[in-house]
Every structure is written in structure tokens, then in C-alpha cells.
Amino acid sequence: MAFPIPASYGEWRHCITEVCGLVLTEAFIHQRLAALENPDDYMTRKFIALYGETHRRQTRAWFARALDELAESPTRNRR
């Protein structure tokens, strides 16, 4: 089953946390941000090939927003 590419932060967050069942911890977010900023990362190259550079930048911004939300709520998923 194909899922649509998220077009908003809310859709993206739902896909990550509900559909994929991942927890947006500080450690996980930092890991994903580092990968998305690394042009030599295999999965980042695949991501860009599949979804384009614009979507990579948007996804990076959504991860950064999720990190900001964690900073605003220090008791949430800090691991």
C-alpha cells in the first residue's frame, strides 16, 4: 500500500509517530538531522533520489521543529 508524501508538519508527524510507530526522541531527531545533512549518507542519497532535494529540506525542517517542541517541553522524550 502506498502512502502519500506528507505535505504538512502534522501529516509528517502522524506518519512518523502513528503509522511508523517511532518515538521522536532527542537522540533520534539528532541522528536523522545529521543523516539528512550528510550528502554522503546512503539513505539520504536514496531519499533525495526518491523525493527530491526540496522534500529533503522540508523534512529536515520538520525534524528541527520536532526538536524545538521537545526543548519547549523538557519532560517529553528527552532520551
PDB file of N, CA and C in Angstrom:
ATOM      1  N   MET A   1       0.842  -1.175   0.000  1.00  0.00           N
ATOM      2  CA  MET A   1       0.000   0.000   0.000  1.00  0.00           C
ATOM      3  C   MET A   1       0.889   1.241   0.000  1.00  0.00           C
ATOM      4  N   ALA A   2       0.660   2.147  -0.894  1.00  0.00           N
ATOM      5  CA  ALA A   2       1.429   3.380  -0.973  1.00  0.00           C
ATOM      6  C   ALA A   2       0.780   4.455  -0.109  1.00  0.00           C
ATOM      7  N   PHE A   3       1.614   5.212   0.560  1.00  0.00           N
ATOM      8  CA  PHE A   3       1.132   6.310   1.374  1.00  0.00           C
ATOM      9  C   PHE A   3       1.510   7.612   0.696  1.00  0.00           C
ATOM     10  N   PRO A   4       0.651   8.632   0.793  1.00  0.00           N
ATOM     11  CA  PRO A   4       1.004   9.920   0.181  1.00  0.00           C
ATOM     12  C   PRO A   4       2.173  10.555   0.924  1.00  0.00           C
ATOM     13  N   ILE A   5       2.933  11.342   0.217  1.00  0.00           N
ATOM     14  CA  ILE A   5       4.044  12.071   0.823  1.00  0.00           C
ATOM     15  C   ILE A   5       3.442  13.175   1.685  1.00  0.00           C
ATOM     16  N   PRO A   6       3.860  13.278   2.940  1.00  0.00           N
ATOM     17  CA  PRO A   6       3.298  14.320   3.811  1.00  0.00           C
ATOM     18  C   PRO A   6       3.530  15.716   3.229  1.00  0.00           C
ATOM     19  N   ALA A   7       2.495  16.529   3.330  1.00  0.00           N
ATOM     20  CA  ALA A   7       2.570  17.890   2.807  1.00  0.00           C
ATOM     21  C   ALA A   7       2.606  18.931   3.916  1.00  0.00           C
ATOM     22  N   SER A   8       2.450  18.493   5.169  1.00  0.00           N
ATOM     23  CA  SER A   8       2.465  19.426   6.292  1.00  0.00           C
ATOM     24  C   SER A   8       3.169  18.774   7.478  1.00  0.00           C
ATOM     25  N   TYR A   9       3.517  19.599   8.441  1.00  0.00           N
ATOM     26  CA  TYR A   9       4.154  19.080   9.653  1.00  0.00           C
ATOM     27  C   TYR A   9       3.243  18.082  10.360  1.00  0.00           C
ATOM     28  N   GLY A  10       1.963  18.397  10.464  1.00  0.00           N
ATOM     29  CA  GLY A  10       1.023  17.490  11.124  1.00  0.00           C
ATOM     30  C   GLY A  10       0.943  16.137  10.432  1.00  0.00           C
ATOM     31  N   GLU A  11       0.886  16.141   9.111  1.00  0.00           N
ATOM     32  CA  GLU A  11       0.857  14.882   8.363  1.00  0.00           C
ATOM     33  C   GLU A  11       2.152  14.105   8.570  1.00  0.00           C
ATOM     34  N   TRP A  12       3.285  14.798   8.512  1.00  0.00           N
ATOM     35  CA  TRP A  12       4.580  14.160   8.693  1.00  0.00           C
ATOM     36  C   TRP A  12       4.687  13.553  10.090  1.00  0.00           C
ATOM     37  N   ARG A  13       4.310  14.321  11.100  1.00  0.00           N
ATOM     38  CA  ARG A  13       4.396  13.836  12.480  1.00  0.00           C
ATOM     39  C   ARG A  13       3.492  12.614  12.668  1.00  0.00           C
ATOM     40  N   HIS A  14       2.301  12.643  12.093  1.00  0.00           N
ATOM     41  CA  HIS A  14       1.389  11.496  12.175  1.00  0.00           C
ATOM     42  C   HIS A  14       2.034  10.266  11.526  1.00  0.00           C
ATOM     43  N   CYS A  15       2.635  10.458  10.364  1.00  0.00           N
ATOM     44  CA  CYS A  15       3.287   9.329   9.676  1.00  0.00           C
ATOM     45  C   CYS A  15       4.414   8.743  10.525  1.00  0.00           C
ATOM     46  N   ILE A  16       5.238   9.610  11.105  1.00  0.00           N
ATOM     47  CA  ILE A  16       6.371   9.145  11.897  1.00  0.00           C
ATOM     48  C   ILE A  16       5.908   8.427  13.164  1.00  0.00           C
ATOM     49  N   THR A  17       5.005   9.067  13.911  1.00  0.00           N
ATOM     50  CA  THR A  17       4.658   8.548  15.238  1.00  0.00           C
ATOM     51  C   THR A  17       3.533   7.519  15.226  1.00  0.00           C
ATOM     52  N   GLU A  18       2.567   7.683  14.358  1.00  0.00           N
ATOM     53  CA  GLU A  18       1.408   6.783  14.362  1.00  0.00           C
ATOM     54  C   GLU A  18       1.553   5.646  13.343  1.00  0.00           C
ATOM     55  N   VAL A  19       1.835   5.992  12.105  1.00  0.00           N
ATOM     56  CA  VAL A  19       1.929   4.978  11.052  1.00  0.00           C
ATOM     57  C   VAL A  19       3.186   4.124  11.236  1.00  0.00           C
ATOM     58  N   CYS A  20       4.324   4.799  11.461  1.00  0.00           N
ATOM     59  CA  CYS A  20       5.599   4.071  11.618  1.00  0.00           C
ATOM     60  C   CYS A  20       5.847   3.628  13.051  1.00  0.00           C
ATOM     61  N   GLY A  21       5.159   4.233  14.010  1.00  0.00           N
ATOM     62  CA  GLY A  21       5.310   3.847  15.409  1.00  0.00           C
ATOM     63  C   GLY A  21       6.636   4.267  16.028  1.00  0.00           C
ATOM     64  N   LEU A  22       7.267   5.308  15.481  1.00  0.00           N
ATOM     65  CA  LEU A  22       8.544   5.780  16.019  1.00  0.00           C
ATOM     66  C   LEU A  22       8.310   6.851  17.076  1.00  0.00           C
ATOM     67  N   VAL A  23       9.223   6.919  18.018  1.00  0.00           N
ATOM     68  CA  VAL A  23       9.177   7.943  19.056  1.00  0.00           C
ATOM     69  C   VAL A  23      10.187   9.014  18.689  1.00  0.00           C
ATOM     70  N   LEU A  24       9.734  10.243  18.657  1.00  0.00           N
ATOM     71  CA  LEU A  24      10.618  11.352  18.301  1.00  0.00           C
ATOM     72  C   LEU A  24      11.396  11.800  19.537  1.00  0.00           C
ATOM     73  N   THR A  25      12.420  11.024  19.867  1.00  0.00           N
ATOM     74  CA  THR A  25      13.289  11.381  20.981  1.00  0.00           C
ATOM     75  C   THR A  25      14.345  12.364  20.493  1.00  0.00           C
ATOM     76  N   GLU A  26      14.972  13.032  21.427  1.00  0.00           N
ATOM     77  CA  GLU A  26      16.034  13.971  21.078  1.00  0.00           C
ATOM     78  C   GLU A  26      17.159  13.255  20.329  1.00  0.00           C
ATOM     79  N   ALA A  27      17.548  12.085  20.822  1.00  0.00           N
ATOM     80  CA  ALA A  27      18.625  11.328  20.184  1.00  0.00           C
ATOM     81  C   ALA A  27      18.256  10.926  18.753  1.00  0.00           C
ATOM     82  N   PHE A  28      17.030  10.433  18.566  1.00  0.00           N
ATOM     83  CA  PHE A  28      16.583  10.018  17.239  1.00  0.00           C
ATOM     84  C   PHE A  28      16.563  11.205  16.279  1.00  0.00           C
ATOM     85  N   ILE A  29      16.040  12.338  16.743  1.00  0.00           N
ATOM     86  CA  ILE A  29      15.959  13.521  15.895  1.00  0.00           C
ATOM     87  C   ILE A  29      17.360  13.984  15.494  1.00  0.00           C
ATOM     88  N   HIS A  30      18.280  14.031  16.454  1.00  0.00           N
ATOM     89  CA  HIS A  30      19.648  14.443  16.124  1.00  0.00           C
ATOM     90  C   HIS A  30      20.276  13.490  15.104  1.00  0.00           C
ATOM     91  N   GLN A  31      20.012  12.209  15.255  1.00  0.00           N
ATOM     92  CA  GLN A  31      20.535  11.217  14.313  1.00  0.00           C
ATOM     93  C   GLN A  31      20.001  11.474  12.907  1.00  0.00           C
ATOM     94  N   ARG A  32      18.710  11.705  12.797  1.00  0.00           N
ATOM     95  CA  ARG A  32      18.103  11.942  11.488  1.00  0.00           C
ATOM     96  C   ARG A  32      18.574  13.264  10.889  1.00  0.00           C
ATOM     97  N   LEU A  33      18.698  14.303  11.713  1.00  0.00           N
ATOM     98  CA  LEU A  33      19.196  15.591  11.205  1.00  0.00           C
ATOM     99  C   LEU A  33      20.613  15.436  10.662  1.00  0.00           C
ATOM    100  N   ALA A  34      21.454  14.721  11.389  1.00  0.00           N
ATOM    101  CA  ALA A  34      22.833  14.507  10.930  1.00  0.00           C
ATOM    102  C   ALA A  34      22.842  13.765   9.602  1.00  0.00           C
ATOM    103  N   ALA A  35      22.024  12.748   9.473  1.00  0.00           N
ATOM    104  CA  ALA A  35      21.969  11.987   8.219  1.00  0.00           C
ATOM    105  C   ALA A  35      21.460  12.855   7.074  1.00  0.00           C
ATOM    106  N   LEU A  36      20.415  13.642   7.323  1.00  0.00           N
ATOM    107  CA  LEU A  36      19.845  14.478   6.273  1.00  0.00           C
ATOM    108  C   LEU A  36      20.793  15.593   5.831  1.00  0.00           C
ATOM    109  N   GLU A  37      21.750  15.950   6.668  1.00  0.00           N
ATOM    110  CA  GLU A  37      22.732  16.966   6.323  1.00  0.00           C
ATOM    111  C   GLU A  37      23.990  16.372   5.691  1.00  0.00           C
ATOM    112  N   ASN A  38      24.077  15.052   5.654  1.00  0.00           N
ATOM    113  CA  ASN A  38      25.270  14.380   5.145  1.00  0.00           C
ATOM    114  C   ASN A  38      25.040  13.911   3.705  1.00  0.00           C
ATOM    115  N   PRO A  39      25.638  14.594   2.731  1.00  0.00           N
ATOM    116  CA  PRO A  39      25.426  14.203   1.332  1.00  0.00           C
ATOM    117  C   PRO A  39      26.028  12.842   0.990  1.00  0.00           C
ATOM    118  N   ASP A  40      26.895  12.327   1.846  1.00  0.00           N
ATOM    119  CA  ASP A  40      27.493  11.014   1.609  1.00  0.00           C
ATOM    120  C   ASP A  40      26.696   9.872   2.244  1.00  0.00           C
ATOM    121  N   ASP A  41      25.674  10.200   3.027  1.00  0.00           N
ATOM    122  CA  ASP A  41      24.851   9.176   3.663  1.00  0.00           C
ATOM    123  C   ASP A  41      24.025   8.441   2.596  1.00  0.00           C
ATOM    124  N   TYR A  42      24.138   7.130   2.577  1.00  0.00           N
ATOM    125  CA  TYR A  42      23.453   6.326   1.560  1.00  0.00           C
ATOM    126  C   TYR A  42      21.945   6.573   1.558  1.00  0.00           C
ATOM    127  N   MET A  43      21.333   6.547   2.735  1.00  0.00           N
ATOM    128  CA  MET A  43      19.876   6.712   2.808  1.00  0.00           C
ATOM    129  C   MET A  43      19.450   8.134   2.434  1.00  0.00           C
ATOM    130  N   THR A  44      20.293   9.110   2.717  1.00  0.00           N
ATOM    131  CA  THR A  44      19.985  10.478   2.304  1.00  0.00           C
ATOM    132  C   THR A  44      20.019  10.590   0.787  1.00  0.00           C
ATOM    133  N   ARG A  45      21.004   9.966   0.159  1.00  0.00           N
ATOM    134  CA  ARG A  45      21.052   9.971  -1.309  1.00  0.00           C
ATOM    135  C   ARG A  45      19.813   9.288  -1.894  1.00  0.00           C
ATOM    136  N   LYS A  46      19.402   8.166  -1.300  1.00  0.00           N
ATOM    137  CA  LYS A  46      18.196   7.463  -1.760  1.00  0.00           C
ATOM    138  C   LYS A  46      16.964   8.341  -1.559  1.00  0.00           C
ATOM    139  N   PHE A  47      16.884   9.011  -0.401  1.00  0.00           N
ATOM    140  CA  PHE A  47      15.760   9.895  -0.094  1.00  0.00           C
ATOM    141  C   PHE A  47      15.643  10.984  -1.158  1.00  0.00           C
ATOM    142  N   ILE A  48      16.767  11.619  -1.478  1.00  0.00           N
ATOM    143  CA  ILE A  48      16.761  12.686  -2.482  1.00  0.00           C
ATOM    144  C   ILE A  48      16.379  12.135  -3.857  1.00  0.00           C
ATOM    145  N   ALA A  49      16.867  10.956  -4.191  1.00  0.00           N
ATOM    146  CA  ALA A  49      16.528  10.346  -5.475  1.00  0.00           C
ATOM    147  C   ALA A  49      15.027  10.065  -5.574  1.00  0.00           C
ATOM    148  N   LEU A  50      14.436   9.645  -4.471  1.00  0.00           N
ATOM    149  CA  LEU A  50      13.008   9.310  -4.473  1.00  0.00           C
ATOM    150  C   LEU A  50      12.096  10.529  -4.364  1.00  0.00           C
ATOM    151  N   TYR A  51      12.457  11.473  -3.489  1.00  0.00           N
ATOM    152  CA  TYR A  51      11.535  12.560  -3.141  1.00  0.00           C
ATOM    153  C   TYR A  51      12.015  13.953  -3.530  1.00  0.00           C
ATOM    154  N   GLY A  52      13.284  14.088  -3.867  1.00  0.00           N
ATOM    155  CA  GLY A  52      13.810  15.374  -4.302  1.00  0.00           C
ATOM    156  C   GLY A  52      14.449  16.182  -3.176  1.00  0.00           C
ATOM    157  N   GLU A  53      15.282  17.122  -3.586  1.00  0.00           N
ATOM    158  CA  GLU A  53      16.007  17.982  -2.650  1.00  0.00           C
ATOM    159  C   GLU A  53      15.063  18.872  -1.847  1.00  0.00           C
ATOM    160  N   THR A  54      14.031  19.370  -2.482  1.00  0.00           N
ATOM    161  CA  THR A  54      13.082  20.241  -1.785  1.00  0.00           C
ATOM    162  C   THR A  54      12.429  19.498  -0.617  1.00  0.00           C
ATOM    163  N   HIS A  55      12.054  18.256  -0.834  1.00  0.00           N
ATOM    164  CA  HIS A  55      11.418  17.488   0.241  1.00  0.00           C
ATOM    165  C   HIS A  55      12.439  17.123   1.334  1.00  0.00           C
ATOM    166  N   ARG A  56      13.699  16.919   0.952  1.00  0.00           N
ATOM    167  CA  ARG A  56      14.729  16.679   1.964  1.00  0.00           C
ATOM    168  C   ARG A  56      14.847  17.896   2.884  1.00  0.00           C
ATOM    169  N   ARG A  57      14.879  19.091   2.287  1.00  0.00           N
ATOM    170  CA  ARG A  57      14.961  20.313   3.094  1.00  0.00           C
ATOM    171  C   ARG A  57      13.733  20.472   3.977  1.00  0.00           C
ATOM    172  N   GLN A  58      12.554  20.151   3.435  1.00  0.00           N
ATOM    173  CA  GLN A  58      11.320  20.267   4.222  1.00  0.00           C
ATOM    174  C   GLN A  58      11.318  19.273   5.376  1.00  0.00           C
ATOM    175  N   THR A  59      11.741  18.057   5.110  1.00  0.00           N
ATOM    176  CA  THR A  59      11.787  17.027   6.153  1.00  0.00           C
ATOM    177  C   THR A  59      12.787  17.418   7.230  1.00  0.00           C
ATOM    178  N   ARG A  60      13.916  17.974   6.829  1.00  0.00           N
ATOM    179  CA  ARG A  60      14.894  18.451   7.796  1.00  0.00           C
ATOM    180  C   ARG A  60      14.267  19.529   8.682  1.00  0.00           C
ATOM    181  N   ALA A  61      13.505  20.437   8.085  1.00  0.00           N
ATOM    182  CA  ALA A  61      12.837  21.490   8.858  1.00  0.00           C
ATOM    183  C   ALA A  61      11.816  20.897   9.829  1.00  0.00           C
ATOM    184  N   TRP A  62      11.107  19.844   9.400  1.00  0.00           N
ATOM    185  CA  TRP A  62      10.138  19.211  10.303  1.00  0.00           C
ATOM    186  C   TRP A  62      10.835  18.540  11.485  1.00  0.00           C
ATOM    187  N   PHE A  63      11.977  17.887  11.239  1.00  0.00           N
ATOM    188  CA  PHE A  63      12.738  17.309  12.349  1.00  0.00           C
ATOM    189  C   PHE A  63      13.216  18.416  13.292  1.00  0.00           C
ATOM    190  N   ALA A  64      13.676  19.535  12.737  1.00  0.00           N
ATOM    191  CA  ALA A  64      14.124  20.654  13.569  1.00  0.00           C
ATOM    192  C   ALA A  64      12.960  21.196  14.404  1.00  0.00           C
ATOM    193  N   ARG A  65      11.782  21.274  13.827  1.00  0.00           N
ATOM    194  CA  ARG A  65      10.595  21.737  14.561  1.00  0.00           C
ATOM    195  C   ARG A  65      10.262  20.775  15.696  1.00  0.00           C
ATOM    196  N   ALA A  66      10.341  19.481  15.421  1.00  0.00           N
ATOM    197  CA  ALA A  66      10.072  18.483  16.465  1.00  0.00           C
ATOM    198  C   ALA A  66      11.085  18.630  17.603  1.00  0.00           C
ATOM    199  N   LEU A  67      12.333  18.922  17.271  1.00  0.00           N
ATOM    200  CA  LEU A  67      13.364  19.140  18.282  1.00  0.00           C
ATOM    201  C   LEU A  67      13.044  20.385  19.106  1.00  0.00           C
ATOM    202  N   ASP A  68      12.608  21.440  18.448  1.00  0.00           N
ATOM    203  CA  ASP A  68      12.197  22.655  19.159  1.00  0.00           C
ATOM    204  C   ASP A  68      11.049  22.368  20.118  1.00  0.00           C
ATOM    205  N   GLU A  69      10.101  21.560  19.692  1.00  0.00           N
ATOM    206  CA  GLU A  69       8.975  21.206  20.558  1.00  0.00           C
ATOM    207  C   GLU A  69       9.447  20.443  21.789  1.00  0.00           C
ATOM    208  N   LEU A  70      10.441  19.575  21.618  1.00  0.00           N
ATOM    209  CA  LEU A  70      10.991  18.865  22.770  1.00  0.00           C
ATOM    210  C   LEU A  70      11.650  19.840  23.738  1.00  0.00           C
ATOM    211  N   ALA A  71      12.339  20.822  23.210  1.00  0.00           N
ATOM    212  CA  ALA A  71      13.011  21.808  24.050  1.00  0.00           C
ATOM    213  C   ALA A  71      11.996  22.620  24.855  1.00  0.00           C
ATOM    214  N   GLU A  72      10.822  22.837  24.285  1.00  0.00           N
ATOM    215  CA  GLU A  72       9.765  23.589  24.971  1.00  0.00           C
ATOM    216  C   GLU A  72       9.092  22.758  26.048  1.00  0.00           C
ATOM    217  N   SER A  73       9.180  21.430  25.951  1.00  0.00           N
ATOM    218  CA  SER A  73       8.561  20.521  26.904  1.00  0.00           C
ATOM    219  C   SER A  73       9.625  19.565  27.424  1.00  0.00           C
ATOM    220  N   PRO A  74      10.404  19.984  28.426  1.00  0.00           N
ATOM    221  CA  PRO A  74      11.582  19.207  28.850  1.00  0.00           C
ATOM    222  C   PRO A  74      11.289  17.819  29.385  1.00  0.00           C
ATOM    223  N   THR A  75      10.073  17.475  29.675  1.00  0.00           N
ATOM    224  CA  THR A  75       9.796  16.121  30.191  1.00  0.00           C
ATOM    225  C   THR A  75       9.442  15.129  29.091  1.00  0.00           C
ATOM    226  N   ARG A  76       9.334  15.587  27.847  1.00  0.00           N
ATOM    227  CA  ARG A  76       8.924  14.719  26.738  1.00  0.00           C
ATOM    228  C   ARG A  76      10.114  14.116  26.016  1.00  0.00           C
ATOM    229  N   ASN A  77      10.216  12.806  25.985  1.00  0.00           N
ATOM    230  CA  ASN A  77      11.118  12.049  25.093  1.00  0.00           C
ATOM    231  C   ASN A  77      12.516  12.639  24.956  1.00  0.00           C
ATOM    232  N   ARG A  78      13.173  12.896  26.063  1.00  0.00           N
ATOM    233  CA  ARG A  78      14.499  13.511  26.023  1.00  0.00           C
ATOM    234  C   ARG A  78      15.612  12.491  25.766  1.00  0.00           C
ATOM    235  N   ARG A  79      15.316  11.216  25.787  1.00  0.00           N
ATOM    236  CA  ARG A  79      16.352  10.194  25.621  1.00  0.00           C
ATOM    237  C   ARG A  79      17.041  10.275  24.309  1.00  0.00           C
TER     238      ARG A  79
END
